[in-house]
Amino acid sequence: MKLKMTLAVAALLTIGLSSAAAYADTITFTLTKPIGAVVVTGGSLTYDATVSAAVGNSGPVFLNGDSFNVTAPITLDDSDFFSKFPLSLAPGTSFTGDLFVLTVAPGTPFGTYLGTFTLLGGANASAINTLGTANFSLVTTPEPSSIVLLLTGMLGLAMTLLWAGSKGNLRGWDVSVAGQPSCGRR
């Protein structure tokens, strides 16, 4: 009786461990450029990724879904993953393509926004194991033309004040006294 019980446990362990090995197949998941930048007036940025199945995998690895997290107010659209990525990768194959799009709403504050993107899948079309996770960041910057416009206006004002000061056209304004604030009233 004890021998039968030992054999039954050994058989169950063998079956259980052999099915776990099927889920141990791996992929490599990397974003092509994990750091991106968008002007703050609004816009979007597409992130590309390369996914590779290890040569030693016992069978195809199915890419069944994803999970993501991104700092608000940035939004993430993962429809590229579902429409462009293959359903599965055979051992030793890889794929590179658009994975997701980050969108920055107009008026978003300047700064760095962080996020993660996780691929889910496994040995069959219904598996939802974590296959790989990639971190990404998005930096929002002011529109260059706005900065140029501001600096040009400030330069124009400074040039006008210097020109008017040299012609004596700043009646009542003291622009040349050292140690005093410029353009102060007398």
N, C-alpha and C. Protein backbone atom coordinates (compact mmCIF):
# COMPACT_ATOMS: atom_id res chain seq x y z
N MET A 1 0.82 -1.19 0.00
CA MET A 1 0.00 0.00 0.00
C MET A 1 0.87 1.26 0.00
N LYS A 2 1.94 1.21 0.83
CA LYS A 2 2.83 2.36 0.90
C LYS A 2 3.55 2.57 -0.43
N LEU A 3 3.89 1.48 -1.11
CA LEU A 3 4.56 1.57 -2.41
C LEU A 3 3.64 2.19 -3.46
N LYS A 4 2.36 1.80 -3.45
CA LYS A 4 1.40 2.37 -4.39
C LYS A 4 1.21 3.87 -4.15
N MET A 5 1.17 4.26 -2.89
CA MET A 5 1.01 5.67 -2.56
C MET A 5 2.24 6.46 -3.01
N THR A 6 3.42 5.92 -2.81
CA THR A 6 4.66 6.58 -3.23
C THR A 6 4.70 6.71 -4.74
N LEU A 7 4.31 5.67 -5.47
CA LEU A 7 4.29 5.73 -6.93
C LEU A 7 3.25 6.75 -7.43
N ALA A 8 2.12 6.82 -6.79
CA ALA A 8 1.08 7.78 -7.18
C ALA A 8 1.57 9.22 -6.98
N VAL A 9 2.22 9.49 -5.85
CA VAL A 9 2.76 10.82 -5.59
C VAL A 9 3.86 11.15 -6.59
N ALA A 10 4.72 10.18 -6.89
CA ALA A 10 5.79 10.39 -7.87
C ALA A 10 5.21 10.68 -9.25
N ALA A 11 4.16 9.96 -9.63
CA ALA A 11 3.52 10.19 -10.93
C ALA A 11 2.91 11.58 -10.99
N LEU A 12 2.22 12.01 -9.94
CA LEU A 12 1.62 13.33 -9.91
C LEU A 12 2.67 14.44 -9.97
N LEU A 13 3.76 14.23 -9.25
CA LEU A 13 4.84 15.21 -9.29
C LEU A 13 5.46 15.29 -10.68
N THR A 14 5.65 14.17 -11.32
CA THR A 14 6.22 14.14 -12.67
C THR A 14 5.31 14.88 -13.65
N ILE A 15 4.03 14.62 -13.59
CA ILE A 15 3.08 15.29 -14.48
C ILE A 15 3.03 16.78 -14.17
N GLY A 16 2.97 17.12 -12.90
CA GLY A 16 2.92 18.52 -12.50
C GLY A 16 4.16 19.29 -12.90
N LEU A 17 5.33 18.72 -12.72
CA LEU A 17 6.57 19.40 -13.06
C LEU A 17 6.76 19.50 -14.56
N SER A 18 6.31 18.51 -15.32
CA SER A 18 6.48 18.57 -16.77
C SER A 18 5.59 19.65 -17.37
N SER A 19 4.39 19.88 -16.84
CA SER A 19 3.54 20.95 -17.36
C SER A 19 4.08 22.32 -16.93
N ALA A 20 4.73 22.42 -15.79
CA ALA A 20 5.33 23.69 -15.36
C ALA A 20 6.48 24.06 -16.27
N ALA A 21 7.19 23.08 -16.81
CA ALA A 21 8.30 23.36 -17.70
C ALA A 21 7.80 24.01 -18.98
N ALA A 22 6.60 23.67 -19.43
CA ALA A 22 6.04 24.28 -20.63
C ALA A 22 5.82 25.77 -20.42
N TYR A 23 5.49 26.19 -19.21
CA TYR A 23 5.27 27.59 -18.92
C TYR A 23 6.57 28.34 -18.61
N ALA A 24 7.67 27.62 -18.54
CA ALA A 24 8.95 28.24 -18.22
C ALA A 24 9.63 28.81 -19.46
N ASP A 25 9.00 28.66 -20.65
CA ASP A 25 9.59 29.23 -21.85
C ASP A 25 9.69 30.74 -21.69
N THR A 26 10.76 31.31 -22.24
CA THR A 26 11.04 32.72 -21.98
C THR A 26 11.08 33.54 -23.26
N ILE A 27 10.92 34.82 -23.06
CA ILE A 27 11.11 35.80 -24.13
C ILE A 27 12.00 36.91 -23.59
N THR A 28 12.59 37.67 -24.51
CA THR A 28 13.32 38.88 -24.19
C THR A 28 12.49 40.03 -24.73
N PHE A 29 12.22 41.02 -23.90
CA PHE A 29 11.33 42.12 -24.25
C PHE A 29 12.05 43.43 -23.94
N THR A 30 12.34 44.23 -24.97
CA THR A 30 13.02 45.51 -24.75
C THR A 30 12.37 46.60 -25.61
N LEU A 31 12.29 47.79 -25.05
CA LEU A 31 11.83 48.95 -25.81
C LEU A 31 13.02 49.52 -26.59
N THR A 32 12.79 49.90 -27.84
CA THR A 32 13.86 50.43 -28.68
C THR A 32 14.42 51.72 -28.07
N LYS A 33 13.55 52.66 -27.70
CA LYS A 33 13.95 53.91 -27.04
C LYS A 33 13.04 54.10 -25.84
N PRO A 34 13.47 53.69 -24.65
CA PRO A 34 12.59 53.77 -23.48
C PRO A 34 12.37 55.18 -22.95
N ILE A 35 13.16 56.16 -23.43
CA ILE A 35 13.01 57.54 -22.98
C ILE A 35 12.60 58.39 -24.17
N GLY A 36 11.47 59.08 -24.05
CA GLY A 36 10.98 59.91 -25.14
C GLY A 36 10.68 61.31 -24.67
N ALA A 37 10.44 62.21 -25.64
CA ALA A 37 10.12 63.60 -25.31
C ALA A 37 9.02 64.10 -26.23
N VAL A 38 8.14 64.92 -25.67
CA VAL A 38 7.02 65.52 -26.41
C VAL A 38 6.89 66.96 -25.95
N VAL A 39 6.56 67.87 -26.90
CA VAL A 39 6.31 69.26 -26.51
C VAL A 39 5.00 69.31 -25.75
N VAL A 40 4.93 70.21 -24.80
CA VAL A 40 3.82 70.23 -23.86
C VAL A 40 2.52 70.73 -24.48
N THR A 41 2.55 71.27 -25.68
CA THR A 41 1.32 71.77 -26.29
C THR A 41 0.42 70.63 -26.74
N GLY A 42 0.84 69.43 -26.52
CA GLY A 42 0.05 68.26 -26.91
C GLY A 42 0.75 67.51 -28.01
N GLY A 43 0.53 66.25 -28.05
CA GLY A 43 1.15 65.43 -29.07
C GLY A 43 1.21 64.00 -28.59
N SER A 44 1.81 63.17 -29.41
CA SER A 44 1.91 61.76 -29.05
C SER A 44 3.26 61.21 -29.48
N LEU A 45 3.62 60.09 -28.89
CA LEU A 45 4.90 59.44 -29.17
C LEU A 45 4.68 57.94 -29.19
N THR A 46 5.16 57.29 -30.26
CA THR A 46 5.03 55.85 -30.40
C THR A 46 6.29 55.17 -29.90
N TYR A 47 6.12 54.15 -29.08
CA TYR A 47 7.23 53.35 -28.56
C TYR A 47 7.29 52.04 -29.31
N ASP A 48 8.48 51.69 -29.79
CA ASP A 48 8.72 50.42 -30.48
C ASP A 48 9.36 49.44 -29.51
N ALA A 49 9.16 48.16 -29.78
CA ALA A 49 9.76 47.12 -28.93
C ALA A 49 10.22 45.95 -29.79
N THR A 50 11.19 45.23 -29.25
CA THR A 50 11.64 43.97 -29.85
C THR A 50 11.35 42.87 -28.85
N VAL A 51 10.68 41.83 -29.34
CA VAL A 51 10.36 40.66 -28.53
C VAL A 51 11.00 39.46 -29.21
N SER A 52 11.79 38.70 -28.45
CA SER A 52 12.49 37.53 -28.99
C SER A 52 12.20 36.32 -28.12
N ALA A 53 11.91 35.19 -28.77
CA ALA A 53 11.71 33.93 -28.05
C ALA A 53 13.05 33.19 -28.02
N ALA A 54 13.39 32.65 -26.87
CA ALA A 54 14.66 31.93 -26.72
C ALA A 54 14.70 30.70 -27.63
N VAL A 55 15.88 30.39 -28.14
CA VAL A 55 16.05 29.23 -29.03
C VAL A 55 15.71 27.94 -28.29
N GLY A 56 15.99 27.88 -27.01
CA GLY A 56 15.77 26.66 -26.23
C GLY A 56 14.34 26.45 -25.77
N ASN A 57 13.41 27.34 -26.17
CA ASN A 57 12.01 27.15 -25.77
C ASN A 57 11.48 25.84 -26.34
N SER A 58 10.58 25.20 -25.60
CA SER A 58 10.03 23.90 -26.02
C SER A 58 8.93 24.05 -27.07
N GLY A 59 8.41 25.25 -27.26
CA GLY A 59 7.34 25.48 -28.22
C GLY A 59 7.11 26.96 -28.36
N PRO A 60 6.09 27.34 -29.12
CA PRO A 60 5.82 28.77 -29.29
C PRO A 60 5.37 29.42 -27.98
N VAL A 61 5.68 30.70 -27.86
CA VAL A 61 5.23 31.50 -26.72
C VAL A 61 4.13 32.42 -27.25
N PHE A 62 2.95 32.33 -26.66
CA PHE A 62 1.81 33.13 -27.09
C PHE A 62 1.84 34.48 -26.38
N LEU A 63 1.61 35.54 -27.16
CA LEU A 63 1.53 36.90 -26.64
C LEU A 63 0.05 37.25 -26.55
N ASN A 64 -0.55 37.03 -25.38
CA ASN A 64 -2.00 37.10 -25.25
C ASN A 64 -2.56 38.43 -24.76
N GLY A 65 -1.75 39.25 -24.15
CA GLY A 65 -2.27 40.50 -23.63
C GLY A 65 -1.19 41.36 -23.04
N ASP A 66 -1.60 42.43 -22.40
CA ASP A 66 -0.64 43.33 -21.77
C ASP A 66 -1.26 43.97 -20.53
N SER A 67 -0.40 44.60 -19.79
CA SER A 67 -0.80 45.36 -18.61
C SER A 67 0.13 46.56 -18.56
N PHE A 68 -0.39 47.72 -18.20
CA PHE A 68 0.47 48.90 -18.17
C PHE A 68 0.07 49.83 -17.05
N ASN A 69 1.00 50.71 -16.72
CA ASN A 69 0.80 51.71 -15.70
C ASN A 69 1.55 52.96 -16.16
N VAL A 70 0.88 54.10 -16.17
CA VAL A 70 1.52 55.34 -16.58
C VAL A 70 1.00 56.47 -15.70
N THR A 71 1.87 57.45 -15.43
CA THR A 71 1.52 58.58 -14.59
C THR A 71 0.52 59.49 -15.30
N ALA A 72 -0.56 59.85 -14.61
CA ALA A 72 -1.55 60.79 -15.16
C ALA A 72 -0.90 62.17 -15.27
N PRO A 73 -1.25 62.97 -16.21
CA PRO A 73 -2.36 62.92 -17.16
C PRO A 73 -1.99 62.29 -18.50
N ILE A 74 -0.86 61.62 -18.60
CA ILE A 74 -0.46 60.94 -19.83
C ILE A 74 -1.38 59.74 -20.04
N THR A 75 -1.77 59.49 -21.29
CA THR A 75 -2.60 58.32 -21.60
C THR A 75 -1.83 57.38 -22.52
N LEU A 76 -2.11 56.08 -22.38
CA LEU A 76 -1.44 55.05 -23.17
C LEU A 76 -2.48 54.30 -24.00
N ASP A 77 -2.19 54.16 -25.30
CA ASP A 77 -3.05 53.40 -26.21
C ASP A 77 -2.27 52.17 -26.67
N ASP A 78 -2.72 50.98 -26.28
CA ASP A 78 -2.00 49.75 -26.59
C ASP A 78 -2.58 49.02 -27.81
N SER A 79 -3.37 49.69 -28.63
CA SER A 79 -3.97 49.01 -29.78
C SER A 79 -2.93 48.54 -30.79
N ASP A 80 -1.75 49.19 -30.85
CA ASP A 80 -0.68 48.71 -31.74
C ASP A 80 -0.24 47.30 -31.37
N PHE A 81 -0.19 46.99 -30.08
CA PHE A 81 0.20 45.64 -29.67
C PHE A 81 -0.79 44.61 -30.22
N PHE A 82 -2.08 44.90 -30.09
CA PHE A 82 -3.10 43.94 -30.53
C PHE A 82 -3.23 43.86 -32.05
N SER A 83 -2.93 44.95 -32.76
CA SER A 83 -3.10 44.93 -34.21
C SER A 83 -1.83 44.60 -34.99
N LYS A 84 -0.65 44.83 -34.41
CA LYS A 84 0.59 44.67 -35.17
C LYS A 84 1.50 43.53 -34.71
N PHE A 85 1.40 43.14 -33.44
CA PHE A 85 2.29 42.09 -32.93
C PHE A 85 1.74 40.71 -33.30
N PRO A 86 2.64 39.72 -33.48
CA PRO A 86 2.16 38.37 -33.79
C PRO A 86 1.47 37.74 -32.59
N LEU A 87 0.64 36.74 -32.85
CA LEU A 87 -0.06 36.05 -31.77
C LEU A 87 0.90 35.20 -30.95
N SER A 88 1.96 34.68 -31.61
CA SER A 88 2.92 33.84 -30.89
C SER A 88 4.28 33.95 -31.58
N LEU A 89 5.31 33.56 -30.83
CA LEU A 89 6.68 33.53 -31.36
C LEU A 89 7.22 32.11 -31.23
N ALA A 90 7.67 31.55 -32.35
CA ALA A 90 8.29 30.23 -32.33
C ALA A 90 9.68 30.36 -31.70
N PRO A 91 10.23 29.26 -31.18
CA PRO A 91 11.57 29.32 -30.60
C PRO A 91 12.59 29.89 -31.59
N GLY A 92 13.39 30.84 -31.11
CA GLY A 92 14.45 31.44 -31.93
C GLY A 92 13.99 32.57 -32.84
N THR A 93 12.73 32.98 -32.79
CA THR A 93 12.26 34.07 -33.64
C THR A 93 12.11 35.36 -32.83
N SER A 94 12.07 36.47 -33.56
CA SER A 94 11.88 37.76 -32.90
C SER A 94 11.01 38.65 -33.77
N PHE A 95 10.50 39.70 -33.16
CA PHE A 95 9.65 40.67 -33.86
C PHE A 95 9.93 42.04 -33.29
N THR A 96 10.03 43.05 -34.19
CA THR A 96 10.18 44.44 -33.78
C THR A 96 9.07 45.25 -34.42
N GLY A 97 8.38 46.06 -33.63
CA GLY A 97 7.31 46.88 -34.17
C GLY A 97 6.75 47.85 -33.15
N ASP A 98 5.78 48.66 -33.60
CA ASP A 98 5.11 49.61 -32.72
C ASP A 98 4.38 48.85 -31.62
N LEU A 99 4.57 49.27 -30.38
CA LEU A 99 3.95 48.58 -29.25
C LEU A 99 2.81 49.39 -28.64
N PHE A 100 3.05 50.68 -28.37
CA PHE A 100 2.01 51.53 -27.79
C PHE A 100 2.30 52.98 -28.09
N VAL A 101 1.30 53.82 -27.87
CA VAL A 101 1.41 55.26 -28.11
C VAL A 101 1.05 56.00 -26.82
N LEU A 102 1.92 56.93 -26.42
CA LEU A 102 1.63 57.81 -25.29
C LEU A 102 1.13 59.13 -25.84
N THR A 103 0.07 59.67 -25.23
CA THR A 103 -0.50 60.94 -25.67
C THR A 103 -0.43 61.94 -24.52
N VAL A 104 0.03 63.15 -24.87
CA VAL A 104 0.14 64.25 -23.91
C VAL A 104 -0.94 65.27 -24.24
N ALA A 105 -1.80 65.56 -23.31
CA ALA A 105 -2.86 66.54 -23.52
C ALA A 105 -2.29 67.95 -23.48
N PRO A 106 -2.89 68.87 -24.24
CA PRO A 106 -2.44 70.27 -24.15
C PRO A 106 -2.56 70.78 -22.71
N GLY A 107 -1.59 71.57 -22.29
CA GLY A 107 -1.61 72.12 -20.94
C GLY A 107 -1.00 71.22 -19.88
N THR A 108 -0.45 70.07 -20.29
CA THR A 108 0.19 69.17 -19.33
C THR A 108 1.42 69.85 -18.75
N PRO A 109 1.61 69.82 -17.45
CA PRO A 109 2.79 70.47 -16.83
C PRO A 109 4.10 69.85 -17.33
N PHE A 110 5.15 70.69 -17.35
CA PHE A 110 6.47 70.20 -17.72
C PHE A 110 6.90 69.15 -16.71
N GLY A 111 7.65 68.15 -17.16
CA GLY A 111 8.16 67.16 -16.22
C GLY A 111 8.42 65.83 -16.87
N THR A 112 8.80 64.88 -16.04
CA THR A 112 9.07 63.52 -16.49
C THR A 112 7.97 62.62 -15.96
N TYR A 113 7.39 61.83 -16.83
CA TYR A 113 6.31 60.92 -16.49
C TYR A 113 6.80 59.49 -16.71
N LEU A 114 6.60 58.63 -15.71
CA LEU A 114 7.12 57.27 -15.73
C LEU A 114 6.02 56.26 -15.96
N GLY A 115 6.40 55.09 -16.46
CA GLY A 115 5.43 54.03 -16.64
C GLY A 115 6.08 52.68 -16.85
N THR A 116 5.26 51.65 -16.83
CA THR A 116 5.71 50.28 -17.11
C THR A 116 4.74 49.63 -18.08
N PHE A 117 5.27 48.72 -18.88
CA PHE A 117 4.45 47.96 -19.83
C PHE A 117 4.84 46.49 -19.69
N THR A 118 3.85 45.63 -19.47
CA THR A 118 4.09 44.21 -19.24
C THR A 118 3.39 43.39 -20.31
N LEU A 119 4.13 42.44 -20.89
CA LEU A 119 3.54 41.49 -21.84
C LEU A 119 3.06 40.27 -21.08
N LEU A 120 1.86 39.80 -21.41
CA LEU A 120 1.26 38.63 -20.78
C LEU A 120 1.07 37.53 -21.82
N GLY A 121 1.22 36.30 -21.40
CA GLY A 121 1.03 35.17 -22.31
C GLY A 121 1.60 33.90 -21.72
N GLY A 122 2.00 32.98 -22.59
CA GLY A 122 2.57 31.73 -22.13
C GLY A 122 2.50 30.65 -23.18
N ALA A 123 2.32 29.41 -22.74
CA ALA A 123 2.42 28.24 -23.60
C ALA A 123 1.17 28.00 -24.45
N ASN A 124 0.06 28.69 -24.16
CA ASN A 124 -1.14 28.50 -24.97
C ASN A 124 -1.88 29.83 -25.12
N ALA A 125 -2.95 29.81 -25.90
CA ALA A 125 -3.68 31.04 -26.23
C ALA A 125 -4.48 31.62 -25.07
N SER A 126 -4.58 30.90 -23.96
CA SER A 126 -5.33 31.44 -22.82
C SER A 126 -4.44 31.76 -21.62
N ALA A 127 -3.15 31.57 -21.74
CA ALA A 127 -2.23 31.84 -20.63
C ALA A 127 -2.07 33.35 -20.42
N ILE A 128 -1.97 33.75 -19.16
CA ILE A 128 -1.77 35.18 -18.84
C ILE A 128 -0.62 35.36 -17.85
N ASN A 129 0.44 34.60 -18.05
CA ASN A 129 1.63 34.74 -17.21
C ASN A 129 2.40 36.00 -17.64
N THR A 130 3.13 36.59 -16.71
CA THR A 130 3.99 37.72 -17.04
C THR A 130 5.19 37.22 -17.83
N LEU A 131 5.33 37.72 -19.07
CA LEU A 131 6.45 37.30 -19.92
C LEU A 131 7.62 38.27 -19.82
N GLY A 132 7.35 39.53 -19.62
CA GLY A 132 8.41 40.53 -19.52
C GLY A 132 7.81 41.89 -19.24
N THR A 133 8.59 42.73 -18.56
CA THR A 133 8.16 44.08 -18.22
C THR A 133 9.26 45.06 -18.62
N ALA A 134 8.84 46.19 -19.19
CA ALA A 134 9.79 47.25 -19.56
C ALA A 134 9.35 48.56 -18.94
N ASN A 135 10.32 49.31 -18.44
CA ASN A 135 10.06 50.64 -17.88
C ASN A 135 10.27 51.67 -18.98
N PHE A 136 9.52 52.76 -18.93
CA PHE A 136 9.69 53.83 -19.90
C PHE A 136 9.46 55.16 -19.21
N SER A 137 9.91 56.24 -19.86
CA SER A 137 9.66 57.58 -19.34
C SER A 137 9.38 58.51 -20.51
N LEU A 138 8.64 59.55 -20.21
CA LEU A 138 8.29 60.57 -21.19
C LEU A 138 8.56 61.93 -20.56
N VAL A 139 9.33 62.75 -21.26
CA VAL A 139 9.66 64.08 -20.77
C VAL A 139 8.86 65.10 -21.58
N THR A 140 8.10 65.94 -20.89
CA THR A 140 7.38 67.01 -21.57
C THR A 140 8.20 68.28 -21.48
N THR A 141 8.36 68.95 -22.61
CA THR A 141 9.18 70.16 -22.69
C THR A 141 8.36 71.27 -23.32
N PRO A 142 8.70 72.53 -23.04
CA PRO A 142 7.97 73.62 -23.70
C PRO A 142 8.26 73.63 -25.19
N GLU A 143 7.32 74.16 -25.93
CA GLU A 143 7.49 74.25 -27.38
C GLU A 143 8.65 75.21 -27.67
N PRO A 144 9.62 74.79 -28.50
CA PRO A 144 10.78 75.66 -28.76
C PRO A 144 10.39 77.01 -29.33
N SER A 145 9.39 77.09 -30.17
CA SER A 145 9.02 78.38 -30.77
C SER A 145 8.51 79.36 -29.72
N SER A 146 7.87 78.88 -28.66
CA SER A 146 7.40 79.76 -27.59
C SER A 146 8.58 80.38 -26.84
N ILE A 147 9.59 79.59 -26.58
CA ILE A 147 10.77 80.10 -25.89
C ILE A 147 11.50 81.11 -26.77
N VAL A 148 11.64 80.80 -28.05
CA VAL A 148 12.30 81.72 -28.98
C VAL A 148 11.53 83.03 -29.06
N LEU A 149 10.22 82.95 -29.13
CA LEU A 149 9.39 84.16 -29.18
C LEU A 149 9.58 85.01 -27.93
N LEU A 150 9.59 84.39 -26.75
CA LEU A 150 9.79 85.12 -25.50
C LEU A 150 11.17 85.78 -25.46
N LEU A 151 12.20 85.03 -25.82
CA LEU A 151 13.56 85.59 -25.80
C LEU A 151 13.72 86.70 -26.83
N THR A 152 13.10 86.56 -27.99
CA THR A 152 13.18 87.61 -29.01
C THR A 152 12.50 88.87 -28.51
N GLY A 153 11.36 88.74 -27.86
CA GLY A 153 10.68 89.91 -27.30
C GLY A 153 11.51 90.60 -26.24
N MET A 154 12.13 89.81 -25.35
CA MET A 154 12.97 90.39 -24.31
C MET A 154 14.19 91.10 -24.91
N LEU A 155 14.79 90.50 -25.93
CA LEU A 155 15.94 91.11 -26.60
C LEU A 155 15.52 92.41 -27.28
N GLY A 156 14.35 92.41 -27.92
CA GLY A 156 13.85 93.63 -28.57
C GLY A 156 13.61 94.74 -27.57
N LEU A 157 13.03 94.41 -26.43
CA LEU A 157 12.80 95.41 -25.38
C LEU A 157 14.12 95.97 -24.86
N ALA A 158 15.09 95.10 -24.63
CA ALA A 158 16.40 95.55 -24.15
C ALA A 158 17.08 96.45 -25.17
N MET A 159 17.00 96.09 -26.45
CA MET A 159 17.62 96.90 -27.50
C MET A 159 16.93 98.28 -27.61
N THR A 160 15.61 98.29 -27.46
CA THR A 160 14.87 99.55 -27.52
C THR A 160 15.27 100.45 -26.36
N LEU A 161 15.38 99.89 -25.16
CA LEU A 161 15.78 100.69 -24.00
C LEU A 161 17.21 101.22 -24.17
N LEU A 162 18.10 100.39 -24.68
CA LEU A 162 19.48 100.86 -24.89
C LEU A 162 19.53 101.96 -25.94
N TRP A 163 18.80 101.79 -27.02
CA TRP A 163 18.78 102.80 -28.08
C TRP A 163 18.18 104.12 -27.56
N ALA A 164 17.04 103.99 -26.86
CA ALA A 164 16.39 105.19 -26.34
C ALA A 164 17.28 105.87 -25.30
N GLY A 165 17.99 105.10 -24.49
CA GLY A 165 18.88 105.68 -23.49
C GLY A 165 20.05 106.41 -24.12
N SER A 166 20.57 105.89 -25.24
CA SER A 166 21.69 106.55 -25.90
C SER A 166 21.26 107.83 -26.61
N LYS A 167 20.01 107.96 -26.97
CA LYS A 167 19.48 109.15 -27.63
C LYS A 167 18.92 110.15 -26.63
N GLY A 168 18.88 109.78 -25.36
CA GLY A 168 18.34 110.67 -24.34
C GLY A 168 16.82 110.72 -24.36
N ASN A 169 16.19 109.71 -24.89
CA ASN A 169 14.74 109.69 -25.00
C ASN A 169 14.04 109.09 -23.79
N LEU A 170 14.76 108.82 -22.74
CA LEU A 170 14.14 108.26 -21.54
C LEU A 170 14.05 109.34 -20.47
N ARG A 171 13.29 110.39 -20.77
CA ARG A 171 13.15 111.50 -19.84
C ARG A 171 12.60 111.00 -18.50
N GLY A 172 13.30 111.28 -17.43
CA GLY A 172 12.83 110.91 -16.11
C GLY A 172 13.20 109.50 -15.69
N TRP A 173 13.83 108.73 -16.55
CA TRP A 173 14.23 107.35 -16.21
C TRP A 173 15.73 107.29 -16.07
N ASP A 174 16.17 106.67 -15.01
CA ASP A 174 17.60 106.53 -14.75
C ASP A 174 18.03 105.13 -15.16
N VAL A 175 18.76 105.03 -16.28
CA VAL A 175 19.19 103.71 -16.75
C VAL A 175 20.70 103.54 -16.65
N SER A 176 21.42 104.56 -16.17
CA SER A 176 22.87 104.47 -16.22
C SER A 176 23.54 104.55 -14.86
N VAL A 177 22.82 104.65 -13.76
CA VAL A 177 23.43 104.79 -12.44
C VAL A 177 23.90 103.40 -11.97
N ALA A 178 25.19 103.28 -11.71
CA ALA A 178 25.74 101.97 -11.25
C ALA A 178 25.25 101.68 -9.85
N GLY A 179 24.93 100.40 -9.60
CA GLY A 179 24.50 99.99 -8.28
C GLY A 179 23.03 100.20 -8.02
N GLN A 180 22.31 100.85 -8.92
CA GLN A 180 20.88 101.09 -8.78
C GLN A 180 20.12 100.21 -9.77
N PRO A 181 18.91 99.88 -9.45
CA PRO A 181 18.12 99.11 -10.41
C PRO A 181 17.94 99.91 -11.70
N SER A 182 18.06 99.24 -12.85
CA SER A 182 17.87 99.97 -14.10
C SER A 182 16.41 100.33 -14.28
N CYS A 183 16.18 101.32 -15.06
CA CYS A 183 14.86 101.82 -15.40
C CYS A 183 14.09 102.29 -14.17
N GLY A 184 14.76 102.73 -13.12
CA GLY A 184 14.06 103.23 -11.93
C GLY A 184 13.72 104.71 -12.11
N ARG A 185 12.63 105.18 -11.54
CA ARG A 185 12.21 106.60 -11.62
C ARG A 185 13.09 107.44 -10.71
N ARG A 186 13.41 108.66 -11.14
CA ARG A 186 14.16 109.61 -10.30
C ARG A 186 13.26 110.29 -9.34
